Amino acid sequence: MANAKKEFLVHTKNKELLCVSISLLCASIFYEDWWDHQTSSIKYVLPIEHTQEEYDAFIKSLDFDYDSGYRGQELYGTIWYTNGTWSDRGEYDGSEWWQHHQCPDIPESLINIV
């Protein structure tokens, strides 16, 4: 079992420690119980230009445990940061994680086309 709130806080806090220019812009996360296909997805949203109260409510709503074991993915989502990077959920063989992405640099050969 894993806790969605703890994972979110650890992942976003690590980004702030690595680079001071990264801060949270917004997020969209949804949960779907792999075992209970009768249950509809639950979506958690943190809007752009959120208030502290909206952030606190968002974090509180993520305080639940989910099965992160070897079955299907249960927690999905995207986190956007103010520097143009983002994180999304990765999954392989039942293991789940947050993965941070950056847009790659444009190669010189594409910049200097005449």
PDB file of N, CA and C in Angstrom:
ATOM      1  N   MET A   1       0.839  -1.182   0.000  1.00  0.00           N
ATOM      2  CA  MET A   1       0.000   0.000   0.000  1.00  0.00           C
ATOM      3  C   MET A   1       0.884   1.245   0.000  1.00  0.00           C
ATOM      4  N   ALA A   2       0.360   2.306  -0.597  1.00  0.00           N
ATOM      5  CA  ALA A   2       1.059   3.577  -0.645  1.00  0.00           C
ATOM      6  C   ALA A   2       0.054   4.684  -0.332  1.00  0.00           C
ATOM      7  N   ASN A   3       0.555   5.832   0.102  1.00  0.00           N
ATOM      8  CA  ASN A   3      -0.303   6.968   0.404  1.00  0.00           C
ATOM      9  C   ASN A   3      -0.100   8.040  -0.662  1.00  0.00           C
ATOM     10  N   ALA A   4      -1.182   8.443  -1.326  1.00  0.00           N
ATOM     11  CA  ALA A   4      -1.118   9.401  -2.431  1.00  0.00           C
ATOM     12  C   ALA A   4      -0.586  10.757  -1.971  1.00  0.00           C
ATOM     13  N   LYS A   5      -1.016  11.218  -0.816  1.00  0.00           N
ATOM     14  CA  LYS A   5      -0.570  12.511  -0.292  1.00  0.00           C
ATOM     15  C   LYS A   5       0.940  12.501  -0.035  1.00  0.00           C
ATOM     16  N   LYS A   6       1.417  11.464   0.634  1.00  0.00           N
ATOM     17  CA  LYS A   6       2.846  11.379   0.959  1.00  0.00           C
ATOM     18  C   LYS A   6       3.688  11.352  -0.317  1.00  0.00           C
ATOM     19  N   GLU A   7       3.272  10.557  -1.294  1.00  0.00           N
ATOM     20  CA  GLU A   7       4.021  10.493  -2.555  1.00  0.00           C
ATOM     21  C   GLU A   7       4.060  11.847  -3.254  1.00  0.00           C
ATOM     22  N   PHE A   8       2.911  12.521  -3.304  1.00  0.00           N
ATOM     23  CA  PHE A   8       2.834  13.824  -3.953  1.00  0.00           C
ATOM     24  C   PHE A   8       3.760  14.833  -3.270  1.00  0.00           C
ATOM     25  N   LEU A   9       3.683  14.905  -1.941  1.00  0.00           N
ATOM     26  CA  LEU A   9       4.503  15.866  -1.205  1.00  0.00           C
ATOM     27  C   LEU A   9       5.994  15.579  -1.339  1.00  0.00           C
ATOM     28  N   VAL A  10       6.381  14.319  -1.243  1.00  0.00           N
ATOM     29  CA  VAL A  10       7.792  13.961  -1.386  1.00  0.00           C
ATOM     30  C   VAL A  10       8.279  14.299  -2.796  1.00  0.00           C
ATOM     31  N   HIS A  11       7.498  13.959  -3.799  1.00  0.00           N
ATOM     32  CA  HIS A  11       7.916  14.211  -5.191  1.00  0.00           C
ATOM     33  C   HIS A  11       8.027  15.708  -5.476  1.00  0.00           C
ATOM     34  N   THR A  12       7.036  16.485  -5.110  1.00  0.00           N
ATOM     35  CA  THR A  12       7.092  17.920  -5.411  1.00  0.00           C
ATOM     36  C   THR A  12       8.123  18.632  -4.552  1.00  0.00           C
ATOM     37  N   LYS A  13       8.317  18.212  -3.332  1.00  0.00           N
ATOM     38  CA  LYS A  13       9.329  18.831  -2.471  1.00  0.00           C
ATOM     39  C   LYS A  13      10.728  18.552  -2.998  1.00  0.00           C
ATOM     40  N   ASN A  14      10.978  17.345  -3.517  1.00  0.00           N
ATOM     41  CA  ASN A  14      12.280  17.019  -4.098  1.00  0.00           C
ATOM     42  C   ASN A  14      12.595  17.917  -5.283  1.00  0.00           C
ATOM     43  N   LYS A  15      11.600  18.285  -6.077  1.00  0.00           N
ATOM     44  CA  LYS A  15      11.827  19.166  -7.218  1.00  0.00           C
ATOM     45  C   LYS A  15      12.247  20.555  -6.748  1.00  0.00           C
ATOM     46  N   GLU A  16      11.628  21.047  -5.676  1.00  0.00           N
ATOM     47  CA  GLU A  16      11.988  22.356  -5.146  1.00  0.00           C
ATOM     48  C   GLU A  16      13.415  22.365  -4.607  1.00  0.00           C
ATOM     49  N   LEU A  17      13.857  21.266  -4.014  1.00  0.00           N
ATOM     50  CA  LEU A  17      15.207  21.198  -3.474  1.00  0.00           C
ATOM     51  C   LEU A  17      16.260  21.125  -4.571  1.00  0.00           C
ATOM     52  N   LEU A  18      15.931  20.482  -5.688  1.00  0.00           N
ATOM     53  CA  LEU A  18      16.887  20.332  -6.775  1.00  0.00           C
ATOM     54  C   LEU A  18      17.100  21.634  -7.553  1.00  0.00           C
ATOM     55  N   CYS A  19      16.070  22.433  -7.676  1.00  0.00           N
ATOM     56  CA  CYS A  19      16.154  23.637  -8.495  1.00  0.00           C
ATOM     57  C   CYS A  19      15.197  24.676  -7.920  1.00  0.00           C
ATOM     58  N   VAL A  20      15.716  25.792  -7.443  1.00  0.00           N
ATOM     59  CA  VAL A  20      14.871  26.776  -6.778  1.00  0.00           C
ATOM     60  C   VAL A  20      13.868  27.424  -7.722  1.00  0.00           C
ATOM     61  N   SER A  21      14.066  27.301  -9.045  1.00  0.00           N
ATOM     62  CA  SER A  21      13.141  27.926  -9.987  1.00  0.00           C
ATOM     63  C   SER A  21      11.892  27.076 -10.220  1.00  0.00           C
ATOM     64  N   ILE A  22      11.849  25.873  -9.672  1.00  0.00           N
ATOM     65  CA  ILE A  22      10.683  25.011  -9.859  1.00  0.00           C
ATOM     66  C   ILE A  22       9.713  25.211  -8.701  1.00  0.00           C
ATOM     67  N   SER A  23       8.498  25.556  -9.031  1.00  0.00           N
ATOM     68  CA  SER A  23       7.439  25.541  -8.028  1.00  0.00           C
ATOM     69  C   SER A  23       6.167  25.032  -8.692  1.00  0.00           C
ATOM     70  N   LEU A  24       5.282  24.551  -7.881  1.00  0.00           N
ATOM     71  CA  LEU A  24       4.057  23.927  -8.352  1.00  0.00           C
ATOM     72  C   LEU A  24       3.158  24.950  -9.036  1.00  0.00           C
ATOM     73  N   LEU A  25       2.676  24.623 -10.233  1.00  0.00           N
ATOM     74  CA  LEU A  25       1.739  25.482 -10.961  1.00  0.00           C
ATOM     75  C   LEU A  25       0.315  24.977 -10.803  1.00  0.00           C
ATOM     76  N   CYS A  26       0.082  23.699 -11.126  1.00  0.00           N
ATOM     77  CA  CYS A  26      -1.242  23.092 -10.999  1.00  0.00           C
ATOM     78  C   CYS A  26      -1.086  21.578 -11.089  1.00  0.00           C
ATOM     79  N   ALA A  27      -2.187  20.880 -10.831  1.00  0.00           N
ATOM     80  CA  ALA A  27      -2.126  19.417 -10.863  1.00  0.00           C
ATOM     81  C   ALA A  27      -3.503  18.836 -11.136  1.00  0.00           C
ATOM     82  N   SER A  28      -3.495  17.674 -11.770  1.00  0.00           N
ATOM     83  CA  SER A  28      -4.712  16.916 -12.011  1.00  0.00           C
ATOM     84  C   SER A  28      -4.393  15.450 -11.740  1.00  0.00           C
ATOM     85  N   ILE A  29      -5.063  14.876 -10.769  1.00  0.00           N
ATOM     86  CA  ILE A  29      -4.790  13.499 -10.351  1.00  0.00           C
ATOM     87  C   ILE A  29      -6.115  12.753 -10.264  1.00  0.00           C
ATOM     88  N   PHE A  30      -6.117  11.522 -10.692  1.00  0.00           N
ATOM     89  CA  PHE A  30      -7.322  10.726 -10.469  1.00  0.00           C
ATOM     90  C   PHE A  30      -6.968   9.317 -10.048  1.00  0.00           C
ATOM     91  N   TYR A  31      -7.907   8.762  -9.288  1.00  0.00           N
ATOM     92  CA  TYR A  31      -7.737   7.451  -8.680  1.00  0.00           C
ATOM     93  C   TYR A  31      -8.841   6.528  -9.174  1.00  0.00           C
ATOM     94  N   GLU A  32      -8.448   5.303  -9.470  1.00  0.00           N
ATOM     95  CA  GLU A  32      -9.418   4.291  -9.859  1.00  0.00           C
ATOM     96  C   GLU A  32      -9.010   2.973  -9.215  1.00  0.00           C
ATOM     97  N   ASP A  33      -9.877   2.437  -8.382  1.00  0.00           N
ATOM     98  CA  ASP A  33      -9.597   1.193  -7.679  1.00  0.00           C
ATOM     99  C   ASP A  33      -9.530   0.048  -8.685  1.00  0.00           C
ATOM    100  N   TRP A  34      -8.382  -0.590  -8.796  1.00  0.00           N
ATOM    101  CA  TRP A  34      -8.182  -1.657  -9.779  1.00  0.00           C
ATOM    102  C   TRP A  34      -9.074  -2.853  -9.499  1.00  0.00           C
ATOM    103  N   TRP A  35      -9.343  -3.113  -8.225  1.00  0.00           N
ATOM    104  CA  TRP A  35     -10.141  -4.277  -7.841  1.00  0.00           C
ATOM    105  C   TRP A  35     -11.629  -4.038  -7.991  1.00  0.00           C
ATOM    106  N   ASP A  36     -12.082  -2.809  -7.756  1.00  0.00           N
ATOM    107  CA  ASP A  36     -13.504  -2.503  -7.749  1.00  0.00           C
ATOM    108  C   ASP A  36     -13.866  -1.713  -9.005  1.00  0.00           C
ATOM    109  N   HIS A  37     -14.140  -2.415 -10.090  1.00  0.00           N
ATOM    110  CA  HIS A  37     -14.442  -1.762 -11.364  1.00  0.00           C
ATOM    111  C   HIS A  37     -15.813  -1.093 -11.362  1.00  0.00           C
ATOM    112  N   GLN A  38     -16.602  -1.325 -10.320  1.00  0.00           N
ATOM    113  CA  GLN A  38     -17.904  -0.672 -10.190  1.00  0.00           C
ATOM    114  C   GLN A  38     -17.744   0.786  -9.738  1.00  0.00           C
ATOM    115  N   THR A  39     -16.624   1.074  -9.080  1.00  0.00           N
ATOM    116  CA  THR A  39     -16.382   2.419  -8.562  1.00  0.00           C
ATOM    117  C   THR A  39     -15.926   3.330  -9.685  1.00  0.00           C
ATOM    118  N   SER A  40     -16.514   4.512  -9.773  1.00  0.00           N
ATOM    119  CA  SER A  40     -16.076   5.459 -10.789  1.00  0.00           C
ATOM    120  C   SER A  40     -14.772   6.123 -10.339  1.00  0.00           C
ATOM    121  N   SER A  41     -14.074   6.698 -11.274  1.00  0.00           N
ATOM    122  CA  SER A  41     -12.831   7.399 -10.963  1.00  0.00           C
ATOM    123  C   SER A  41     -13.114   8.614 -10.096  1.00  0.00           C
ATOM    124  N   ILE A  42     -12.171   8.918  -9.228  1.00  0.00           N
ATOM    125  CA  ILE A  42     -12.254  10.102  -8.385  1.00  0.00           C
ATOM    126  C   ILE A  42     -11.154  11.050  -8.852  1.00  0.00           C
ATOM    127  N   LYS A  43     -11.516  12.280  -9.179  1.00  0.00           N
ATOM    128  CA  LYS A  43     -10.557  13.242  -9.708  1.00  0.00           C
ATOM    129  C   LYS A  43     -10.253  14.314  -8.668  1.00  0.00           C
ATOM    130  N   TYR A  44      -8.978  14.680  -8.573  1.00  0.00           N
ATOM    131  CA  TYR A  44      -8.499  15.714  -7.661  1.00  0.00           C
ATOM    132  C   TYR A  44      -7.805  16.769  -8.502  1.00  0.00           C
ATOM    133  N   VAL A  45      -8.220  18.029  -8.366  1.00  0.00           N
ATOM    134  CA  VAL A  45      -7.705  19.090  -9.230  1.00  0.00           C
ATOM    135  C   VAL A  45      -7.193  20.254  -8.395  1.00  0.00           C
ATOM    136  N   LEU A  46      -5.994  20.725  -8.746  1.00  0.00           N
ATOM    137  CA  LEU A  46      -5.438  21.945  -8.167  1.00  0.00           C
ATOM    138  C   LEU A  46      -5.272  22.935  -9.313  1.00  0.00           C
ATOM    139  N   PRO A  47      -6.075  24.015  -9.345  1.00  0.00           N
ATOM    140  CA  PRO A  47      -6.047  24.922 -10.496  1.00  0.00           C
ATOM    141  C   PRO A  47      -4.826  25.836 -10.516  1.00  0.00           C
ATOM    142  N   ILE A  48      -4.577  26.430 -11.676  1.00  0.00           N
ATOM    143  CA  ILE A  48      -3.560  27.477 -11.798  1.00  0.00           C
ATOM    144  C   ILE A  48      -3.993  28.642 -10.914  1.00  0.00           C
ATOM    145  N   GLU A  49      -3.028  29.342 -10.357  1.00  0.00           N
ATOM    146  CA  GLU A  49      -3.284  30.476  -9.461  1.00  0.00           C
ATOM    147  C   GLU A  49      -4.171  30.082  -8.288  1.00  0.00           C
ATOM    148  N   HIS A  50      -3.903  28.894  -7.736  1.00  0.00           N
ATOM    149  CA  HIS A  50      -4.653  28.411  -6.583  1.00  0.00           C
ATOM    150  C   HIS A  50      -4.300  29.216  -5.328  1.00  0.00           C
ATOM    151  N   THR A  51      -5.259  29.269  -4.438  1.00  0.00           N
ATOM    152  CA  THR A  51      -5.034  29.917  -3.150  1.00  0.00           C
ATOM    153  C   THR A  51      -4.413  28.902  -2.188  1.00  0.00           C
ATOM    154  N   GLN A  52      -3.950  29.381  -1.054  1.00  0.00           N
ATOM    155  CA  GLN A  52      -3.415  28.484  -0.034  1.00  0.00           C
ATOM    156  C   GLN A  52      -4.506  27.538   0.461  1.00  0.00           C
ATOM    157  N   GLU A  53      -5.729  28.038   0.574  1.00  0.00           N
ATOM    158  CA  GLU A  53      -6.843  27.205   1.017  1.00  0.00           C
ATOM    159  C   GLU A  53      -7.128  26.085   0.003  1.00  0.00           C
ATOM    160  N   GLU A  54      -7.073  26.418  -1.294  1.00  0.00           N
ATOM    161  CA  GLU A  54      -7.283  25.395  -2.333  1.00  0.00           C
ATOM    162  C   GLU A  54      -6.166  24.355  -2.290  1.00  0.00           C
ATOM    163  N   TYR A  55      -4.926  24.810  -2.087  1.00  0.00           N
ATOM    164  CA  TYR A  55      -3.798  23.886  -1.989  1.00  0.00           C
ATOM    165  C   TYR A  55      -3.984  22.957  -0.789  1.00  0.00           C
ATOM    166  N   ASP A  56      -4.329  23.535   0.356  1.00  0.00           N
ATOM    167  CA  ASP A  56      -4.515  22.731   1.571  1.00  0.00           C
ATOM    168  C   ASP A  56      -5.630  21.695   1.383  1.00  0.00           C
ATOM    169  N   ALA A  57      -6.730  22.097   0.756  1.00  0.00           N
ATOM    170  CA  ALA A  57      -7.845  21.171   0.508  1.00  0.00           C
ATOM    171  C   ALA A  57      -7.434  20.070  -0.463  1.00  0.00           C
ATOM    172  N   PHE A  58      -6.655  20.423  -1.482  1.00  0.00           N
ATOM    173  CA  PHE A  58      -6.157  19.453  -2.455  1.00  0.00           C
ATOM    174  C   PHE A  58      -5.276  18.417  -1.759  1.00  0.00           C
ATOM    175  N   ILE A  59      -4.326  18.881  -0.965  1.00  0.00           N
ATOM    176  CA  ILE A  59      -3.421  17.983  -0.241  1.00  0.00           C
ATOM    177  C   ILE A  59      -4.214  17.085   0.713  1.00  0.00           C
ATOM    178  N   LYS A  60      -5.172  17.664   1.420  1.00  0.00           N
ATOM    179  CA  LYS A  60      -5.992  16.874   2.341  1.00  0.00           C
ATOM    180  C   LYS A  60      -6.768  15.795   1.589  1.00  0.00           C
ATOM    181  N   SER A  61      -7.276  16.119   0.395  1.00  0.00           N
ATOM    182  CA  SER A  61      -8.064  15.143  -0.378  1.00  0.00           C
ATOM    183  C   SER A  61      -7.210  13.965  -0.849  1.00  0.00           C
ATOM    184  N   LEU A  62      -5.904  14.172  -0.968  1.00  0.00           N
ATOM    185  CA  LEU A  62      -5.003  13.092  -1.404  1.00  0.00           C
ATOM    186  C   LEU A  62      -4.585  12.163  -0.269  1.00  0.00           C
ATOM    187  N   ASP A  63      -5.053  12.405   0.922  1.00  0.00           N
ATOM    188  CA  ASP A  63      -4.633  11.595   2.067  1.00  0.00           C
ATOM    189  C   ASP A  63      -5.417  10.280   2.104  1.00  0.00           C
ATOM    190  N   PHE A  64      -5.060   9.380   1.184  1.00  0.00           N
ATOM    191  CA  PHE A  64      -5.668   8.055   1.147  1.00  0.00           C
ATOM    192  C   PHE A  64      -4.623   7.046   0.689  1.00  0.00           C
ATOM    193  N   ASP A  65      -4.817   5.812   1.104  1.00  0.00           N
ATOM    194  CA  ASP A  65      -3.930   4.729   0.699  1.00  0.00           C
ATOM    195  C   ASP A  65      -4.516   4.039  -0.521  1.00  0.00           C
ATOM    196  N   TYR A  66      -3.647   3.580  -1.385  1.00  0.00           N
ATOM    197  CA  TYR A  66      -4.073   2.825  -2.561  1.00  0.00           C
ATOM    198  C   TYR A  66      -3.127   1.650  -2.743  1.00  0.00           C
ATOM    199  N   ASP A  67      -3.541   0.676  -3.489  1.00  0.00           N
ATOM    200  CA  ASP A  67      -2.759  -0.532  -3.705  1.00  0.00           C
ATOM    201  C   ASP A  67      -1.768  -0.284  -4.840  1.00  0.00           C
ATOM    202  N   SER A  68      -0.509  -0.164  -4.480  1.00  0.00           N
ATOM    203  CA  SER A  68       0.533   0.083  -5.483  1.00  0.00           C
ATOM    204  C   SER A  68       1.266  -1.205  -5.842  1.00  0.00           C
ATOM    205  N   GLY A  69       0.636  -2.333  -5.594  1.00  0.00           N
ATOM    206  CA  GLY A  69       1.255  -3.636  -5.837  1.00  0.00           C
ATOM    207  C   GLY A  69       1.220  -4.045  -7.292  1.00  0.00           C
ATOM    208  N   TYR A  70       1.505  -5.292  -7.536  1.00  0.00           N
ATOM    209  CA  TYR A  70       1.677  -5.813  -8.892  1.00  0.00           C
ATOM    210  C   TYR A  70       0.347  -6.201  -9.529  1.00  0.00           C
ATOM    211  N   ARG A  71      -0.399  -5.221  -9.949  1.00  0.00           N
ATOM    212  CA  ARG A  71      -1.616  -5.389 -10.733  1.00  0.00           C
ATOM    213  C   ARG A  71      -1.673  -4.221 -11.699  1.00  0.00           C
ATOM    214  N   GLY A  72      -2.831  -3.656 -11.868  1.00  0.00           N
ATOM    215  CA  GLY A  72      -2.967  -2.510 -12.746  1.00  0.00           C
ATOM    216  C   GLY A  72      -2.719  -1.208 -12.008  1.00  0.00           C
ATOM    217  N   GLN A  73      -2.471  -0.164 -12.757  1.00  0.00           N
ATOM    218  CA  GLN A  73      -2.250   1.162 -12.201  1.00  0.00           C
ATOM    219  C   GLN A  73      -3.543   1.697 -11.589  1.00  0.00           C
ATOM    220  N   GLU A  74      -3.433   2.365 -10.433  1.00  0.00           N
ATOM    221  CA  GLU A  74      -4.591   2.926  -9.752  1.00  0.00           C
ATOM    222  C   GLU A  74      -4.554   4.447  -9.666  1.00  0.00           C
ATOM    223  N   LEU A  75      -3.365   5.032  -9.625  1.00  0.00           N
ATOM    224  CA  LEU A  75      -3.243   6.478  -9.477  1.00  0.00           C
ATOM    225  C   LEU A  75      -2.626   7.052 -10.747  1.00  0.00           C
ATOM    226  N   TYR A  76      -3.315   8.017 -11.358  1.00  0.00           N
ATOM    227  CA  TYR A  76      -2.875   8.652 -12.597  1.00  0.00           C
ATOM    228  C   TYR A  76      -2.784  10.151 -12.358  1.00  0.00           C
ATOM    229  N   GLY A  77      -2.075  10.850 -13.201  1.00  0.00           N
ATOM    230  CA  GLY A  77      -2.109  12.296 -13.075  1.00  0.00           C
ATOM    231  C   GLY A  77      -0.939  12.997 -13.699  1.00  0.00           C
ATOM    232  N   THR A  78      -1.051  14.323 -13.676  1.00  0.00           N
ATOM    233  CA  THR A  78      -0.013  15.210 -14.185  1.00  0.00           C
ATOM    234  C   THR A  78       0.139  16.367 -13.215  1.00  0.00           C
ATOM    235  N   ILE A  79       1.391  16.754 -12.976  1.00  0.00           N
ATOM    236  CA  ILE A  79       1.721  17.925 -12.163  1.00  0.00           C
ATOM    237  C   ILE A  79       2.491  18.872 -13.076  1.00  0.00           C
ATOM    238  N   TRP A  80       2.053  20.118 -13.157  1.00  0.00           N
ATOM    239  CA  TRP A  80       2.758  21.122 -13.950  1.00  0.00           C
ATOM    240  C   TRP A  80       3.505  22.061 -13.018  1.00  0.00           C
ATOM    241  N   TYR A  81       4.718  22.482 -13.454  1.00  0.00           N
ATOM    242  CA  TYR A  81       5.550  23.388 -12.669  1.00  0.00           C
ATOM    243  C   TYR A  81       5.704  24.719 -13.415  1.00  0.00           C
ATOM    244  N   THR A  82       6.064  25.755 -12.669  1.00  0.00           N
ATOM    245  CA  THR A  82       6.150  27.100 -13.235  1.00  0.00           C
ATOM    246  C   THR A  82       7.292  27.265 -14.239  1.00  0.00           C
ATOM    247  N   ASN A  83       8.249  26.368 -14.258  1.00  0.00           N
ATOM    248  CA  ASN A  83       9.373  26.496 -15.186  1.00  0.00           C
ATOM    249  C   ASN A  83       9.151  25.738 -16.502  1.00  0.00           C
ATOM    250  N   GLY A  84       7.934  25.263 -16.739  1.00  0.00           N
ATOM    251  CA  GLY A  84       7.631  24.573 -17.994  1.00  0.00           C
ATOM    252  C   GLY A  84       7.854  23.077 -17.959  1.00  0.00           C
ATOM    253  N   THR A  85       8.328  22.531 -16.856  1.00  0.00           N
ATOM    254  CA  THR A  85       8.498  21.084 -16.740  1.00  0.00           C
ATOM    255  C   THR A  85       7.216  20.487 -16.157  1.00  0.00           C
ATOM    256  N   TRP A  86       7.135  19.163 -16.151  1.00  0.00           N
ATOM    257  CA  TRP A  86       5.951  18.482 -15.626  1.00  0.00           C
ATOM    258  C   TRP A  86       6.337  17.107 -15.112  1.00  0.00           C
ATOM    259  N   SER A  87       5.462  16.556 -14.306  1.00  0.00           N
ATOM    260  CA  SER A  87       5.608  15.183 -13.825  1.00  0.00           C
ATOM    261  C   SER A  87       4.332  14.427 -14.161  1.00  0.00           C
ATOM    262  N   ASP A  88       4.485  13.146 -14.459  1.00  0.00           N
ATOM    263  CA  ASP A  88       3.307  12.297 -14.654  1.00  0.00           C
ATOM    264  C   ASP A  88       3.566  10.956 -14.004  1.00  0.00           C
ATOM    265  N   ARG A  89       2.536  10.136 -13.971  1.00  0.00           N
ATOM    266  CA  ARG A  89       2.651   8.843 -13.332  1.00  0.00           C
ATOM    267  C   ARG A  89       3.198   7.828 -14.315  1.00  0.00           C
ATOM    268  N   GLY A  90       4.173   7.070 -13.862  1.00  0.00           N
ATOM    269  CA  GLY A  90       4.684   5.961 -14.645  1.00  0.00           C
ATOM    270  C   GLY A  90       4.228   4.661 -14.014  1.00  0.00           C
ATOM    271  N   GLU A  91       4.179   3.616 -14.816  1.00  0.00           N
ATOM    272  CA  GLU A  91       3.769   2.302 -14.321  1.00  0.00           C
ATOM    273  C   GLU A  91       4.434   1.238 -15.161  1.00  0.00           C
ATOM    274  N   TYR A  92       4.950   0.221 -14.495  1.00  0.00           N
ATOM    275  CA  TYR A  92       5.466  -0.940 -15.194  1.00  0.00           C
ATOM    276  C   TYR A  92       5.258  -2.152 -14.309  1.00  0.00           C
ATOM    277  N   ASP A  93       4.587  -3.139 -14.826  1.00  0.00           N
ATOM    278  CA  ASP A  93       4.380  -4.398 -14.128  1.00  0.00           C
ATOM    279  C   ASP A  93       3.793  -4.185 -12.726  1.00  0.00           C
ATOM    280  N   GLY A  94       2.917  -3.201 -12.603  1.00  0.00           N
ATOM    281  CA  GLY A  94       2.250  -2.955 -11.341  1.00  0.00           C
ATOM    282  C   GLY A  94       2.927  -1.948 -10.439  1.00  0.00           C
ATOM    283  N   SER A  95       4.199  -1.648 -10.652  1.00  0.00           N
ATOM    284  CA  SER A  95       4.866  -0.626  -9.858  1.00  0.00           C
ATOM    285  C   SER A  95       4.487   0.745 -10.407  1.00  0.00           C
ATOM    286  N   GLU A  96       4.239   1.697  -9.521  1.00  0.00           N
ATOM    287  CA  GLU A  96       3.846   3.041  -9.924  1.00  0.00           C
ATOM    288  C   GLU A  96       4.804   4.070  -9.338  1.00  0.00           C
ATOM    289  N   TRP A  97       4.982   5.200 -10.025  1.00  0.00           N
ATOM    290  CA  TRP A  97       5.860   6.257  -9.548  1.00  0.00           C
ATOM    291  C   TRP A  97       5.540   7.561 -10.270  1.00  0.00           C
ATOM    292  N   TRP A  98       6.015   8.668  -9.696  1.00  0.00           N
ATOM    293  CA  TRP A  98       5.984   9.970 -10.359  1.00  0.00           C
ATOM    294  C   TRP A  98       7.279  10.115 -11.144  1.00  0.00           C
ATOM    295  N   GLN A  99       7.192  10.659 -12.348  1.00  0.00           N
ATOM    296  CA  GLN A  99       8.374  10.860 -13.183  1.00  0.00           C
ATOM    297  C   GLN A  99       8.396  12.305 -13.682  1.00  0.00           C
ATOM    298  N   HIS A 100       9.518  12.995 -13.463  1.00  0.00           N
ATOM    299  CA  HIS A 100       9.680  14.388 -13.848  1.00  0.00           C
ATOM    300  C   HIS A 100      10.219  14.475 -15.287  1.00  0.00           C
ATOM    301  N   HIS A 101       9.676  15.413 -16.081  1.00  0.00           N
ATOM    302  CA  HIS A 101      10.086  15.562 -17.484  1.00  0.00           C
ATOM    303  C   HIS A 101      10.472  17.003 -17.786  1.00  0.00           C
ATOM    304  N   GLN A 102      11.459  17.136 -18.658  1.00  0.00           N
ATOM    305  CA  GLN A 102      11.854  18.433 -19.174  1.00  0.00           C
ATOM    306  C   GLN A 102      11.805  18.368 -20.693  1.00  0.00           C
ATOM    307  N   CYS A 103      11.486  19.484 -21.304  1.00  0.00           N
ATOM    308  CA  CYS A 103      11.535  19.548 -22.761  1.00  0.00           C
ATOM    309  C   CYS A 103      13.008  19.493 -23.172  1.00  0.00           C
ATOM    310  N   PRO A 104      13.366  18.654 -24.143  1.00  0.00           N
ATOM    311  CA  PRO A 104      14.780  18.577 -24.538  1.00  0.00           C
ATOM    312  C   PRO A 104      15.231  19.854 -25.230  1.00  0.00           C
ATOM    313  N   ASP A 105      16.540  20.128 -25.146  1.00  0.00           N
ATOM    314  CA  ASP A 105      17.111  21.271 -25.858  1.00  0.00           C
ATOM    315  C   ASP A 105      16.970  21.058 -27.359  1.00  0.00           C
ATOM    316  N   ILE A 106      16.791  22.145 -28.084  1.00  0.00           N
ATOM    317  CA  ILE A 106      16.708  22.074 -29.549  1.00  0.00           C
ATOM    318  C   ILE A 106      18.122  21.946 -30.096  1.00  0.00           C
ATOM    319  N   PRO A 107      18.374  20.966 -30.957  1.00  0.00           N
ATOM    320  CA  PRO A 107      19.716  20.785 -31.512  1.00  0.00           C
ATOM    321  C   PRO A 107      20.139  21.992 -32.358  1.00  0.00           C
ATOM    322  N   GLU A 108      21.426  22.282 -32.325  1.00  0.00           N
ATOM    323  CA  GLU A 108      21.998  23.379 -33.126  1.00  0.00           C
ATOM    324  C   GLU A 108      21.608  23.262 -34.599  1.00  0.00           C
ATOM    325  N   SER A 109      21.568  22.047 -35.121  1.00  0.00           N
ATOM    326  CA  SER A 109      21.258  21.840 -36.546  1.00  0.00           C
ATOM    327  C   SER A 109      19.869  22.332 -36.901  1.00  0.00           C
ATOM    328  N   LEU A 110      18.971  22.398 -35.929  1.00  0.00           N
ATOM    329  CA  LEU A 110      17.627  22.904 -36.202  1.00  0.00           C
ATOM    330  C   LEU A 110      17.527  24.409 -36.008  1.00  0.00           C
ATOM    331  N   ILE A 111      18.412  24.962 -35.199  1.00  0.00           N
ATOM    332  CA  ILE A 111      18.387  26.403 -34.923  1.00  0.00           C
ATOM    333  C   ILE A 111      18.980  27.179 -36.085  1.00  0.00           C
ATOM    334  N   ASN A 112      20.037  26.659 -36.695  1.00  0.00           N
ATOM    335  CA  ASN A 112      20.788  27.389 -37.723  1.00  0.00           C
ATOM    336  C   ASN A 112      20.379  27.016 -39.146  1.00  0.00           C
ATOM    337  N   ILE A 113      19.135  26.656 -39.356  1.00  0.00           N
ATOM    338  CA  ILE A 113      18.684  26.317 -40.705  1.00  0.00           C
ATOM    339  C   ILE A 113      18.506  27.619 -41.496  1.00  0.00           C
ATOM    340  N   VAL A 114      19.160  27.667 -42.680  1.00  0.00           N
ATOM    341  CA  VAL A 114      19.094  28.876 -43.523  1.00  0.00           C
ATOM    342  C   VAL A 114      18.257  28.615 -44.745  1.00  0.00           C
TER     343      VAL A 114
END
